[in-house]
Amino acid sequence: MLDEAIRRRLTERFGARAMPWLDGLPARAAALAARWQMALASRR
């Protein structure tokens, strides 16, 4: 979901505690998209 540059910047800013949040982000985004009846698209 997030490219490595974004992951690196967030980890530099918030430290190791950002990693679990980043790892769980795809599941949370998918759950919210389903709840809100939205489709997620990739920028690639």
N, C-alpha and C. Protein backbone atom coordinates (compact mmCIF):
# COMPACT_ATOMS: atom_id res chain seq x y z
N MET A 1 0.83 -1.19 0.00
CA MET A 1 0.00 0.00 0.00
C MET A 1 0.88 1.26 0.00
N LEU A 2 1.86 1.30 0.85
CA LEU A 2 2.77 2.45 0.90
C LEU A 2 4.12 2.05 0.33
N ASP A 3 4.69 2.94 -0.45
CA ASP A 3 6.00 2.60 -1.00
C ASP A 3 7.07 2.73 0.09
N GLU A 4 8.24 2.23 -0.20
CA GLU A 4 9.32 2.19 0.78
C GLU A 4 9.75 3.58 1.25
N ALA A 5 9.73 4.57 0.38
CA ALA A 5 10.14 5.92 0.78
C ALA A 5 9.21 6.47 1.86
N ILE A 6 7.93 6.25 1.71
CA ILE A 6 6.96 6.73 2.71
C ILE A 6 7.13 5.96 4.01
N ARG A 7 7.28 4.63 3.91
CA ARG A 7 7.50 3.82 5.11
C ARG A 7 8.75 4.29 5.85
N ARG A 8 9.81 4.56 5.12
CA ARG A 8 11.07 5.01 5.72
C ARG A 8 10.89 6.35 6.43
N ARG A 9 10.22 7.30 5.77
CA ARG A 9 10.02 8.62 6.39
C ARG A 9 9.18 8.51 7.66
N LEU A 10 8.13 7.72 7.62
CA LEU A 10 7.29 7.57 8.81
C LEU A 10 8.04 6.88 9.95
N THR A 11 8.87 5.90 9.59
CA THR A 11 9.67 5.22 10.61
C THR A 11 10.72 6.16 11.18
N GLU A 12 11.34 6.97 10.34
CA GLU A 12 12.31 7.95 10.85
C GLU A 12 11.64 8.95 11.77
N ARG A 13 10.43 9.35 11.44
CA ARG A 13 9.71 10.36 12.23
C ARG A 13 9.17 9.80 13.54
N PHE A 14 8.56 8.61 13.49
CA PHE A 14 7.86 8.07 14.65
C PHE A 14 8.57 6.89 15.30
N GLY A 15 9.66 6.44 14.71
CA GLY A 15 10.42 5.34 15.29
C GLY A 15 9.79 3.98 15.02
N ALA A 16 10.28 3.00 15.75
CA ALA A 16 9.85 1.61 15.55
C ALA A 16 8.37 1.42 15.84
N ARG A 17 7.78 2.27 16.65
CA ARG A 17 6.35 2.09 16.95
C ARG A 17 5.46 2.29 15.73
N ALA A 18 6.00 2.87 14.67
CA ALA A 18 5.22 3.05 13.44
C ALA A 18 5.08 1.76 12.65
N MET A 19 6.01 0.82 12.83
CA MET A 19 6.01 -0.40 12.03
C MET A 19 4.73 -1.23 12.18
N PRO A 20 4.25 -1.52 13.38
CA PRO A 20 3.00 -2.29 13.49
C PRO A 20 1.82 -1.56 12.84
N TRP A 21 1.79 -0.25 12.99
CA TRP A 21 0.72 0.54 12.38
C TRP A 21 0.79 0.43 10.86
N LEU A 22 1.98 0.57 10.30
CA LEU A 22 2.16 0.47 8.85
C LEU A 22 1.83 -0.93 8.35
N ASP A 23 2.23 -1.95 9.10
CA ASP A 23 1.94 -3.33 8.71
C ASP A 23 0.44 -3.62 8.71
N GLY A 24 -0.29 -3.00 9.62
CA GLY A 24 -1.73 -3.23 9.71
C GLY A 24 -2.56 -2.34 8.81
N LEU A 25 -1.92 -1.38 8.18
CA LEU A 25 -2.66 -0.42 7.36
C LEU A 25 -3.46 -1.03 6.22
N PRO A 26 -2.91 -1.97 5.45
CA PRO A 26 -3.72 -2.55 4.35
C PRO A 26 -5.03 -3.18 4.83
N ALA A 27 -4.98 -3.91 5.93
CA ALA A 27 -6.20 -4.55 6.45
C ALA A 27 -7.20 -3.51 6.93
N ARG A 28 -6.70 -2.47 7.61
CA ARG A 28 -7.62 -1.42 8.08
C ARG A 28 -8.24 -0.67 6.91
N ALA A 29 -7.44 -0.36 5.90
CA ALA A 29 -7.97 0.34 4.73
C ALA A 29 -9.00 -0.51 4.01
N ALA A 30 -8.74 -1.80 3.88
CA ALA A 30 -9.70 -2.70 3.22
C ALA A 30 -11.00 -2.78 4.02
N ALA A 31 -10.88 -2.87 5.33
CA ALA A 31 -12.08 -2.94 6.17
C ALA A 31 -12.91 -1.67 6.06
N LEU A 32 -12.25 -0.52 6.09
CA LEU A 32 -12.99 0.74 5.96
C LEU A 32 -13.60 0.89 4.57
N ALA A 33 -12.88 0.48 3.55
CA ALA A 33 -13.42 0.55 2.19
C ALA A 33 -14.68 -0.30 2.06
N ALA A 34 -14.65 -1.49 2.63
CA ALA A 34 -15.83 -2.35 2.59
C ALA A 34 -16.98 -1.73 3.38
N ARG A 35 -16.67 -1.19 4.53
CA ARG A 35 -17.70 -0.57 5.38
C ARG A 35 -18.35 0.63 4.69
N TRP A 36 -17.54 1.40 4.00
CA TRP A 36 -18.02 2.61 3.32
C TRP A 36 -18.41 2.35 1.86
N GLN A 37 -18.37 1.08 1.47
CA GLN A 37 -18.73 0.66 0.10
C GLN A 37 -17.92 1.44 -0.94
N MET A 38 -16.61 1.42 -0.73
CA MET A 38 -15.68 2.09 -1.63
C MET A 38 -14.72 1.05 -2.21
N ALA A 39 -14.17 1.35 -3.35
CA ALA A 39 -13.16 0.48 -3.96
C ALA A 39 -11.81 1.18 -3.88
N LEU A 40 -10.80 0.45 -3.44
CA LEU A 40 -9.44 1.00 -3.39
C LEU A 40 -8.75 0.70 -4.71
N ALA A 41 -8.01 1.65 -5.19
CA ALA A 41 -7.27 1.48 -6.47
C ALA A 41 -5.79 1.65 -6.20
N SER A 42 -5.00 1.03 -7.00
CA SER A 42 -3.55 1.17 -6.90
C SER A 42 -3.08 2.28 -7.81
N ARG A 43 -2.03 2.99 -7.38
CA ARG A 43 -1.48 4.07 -8.20
C ARG A 43 -0.48 3.55 -9.21
N ARG A 44 -0.16 2.32 -9.19
CA ARG A 44 0.87 1.75 -10.08
C ARG A 44 0.42 1.66 -11.48
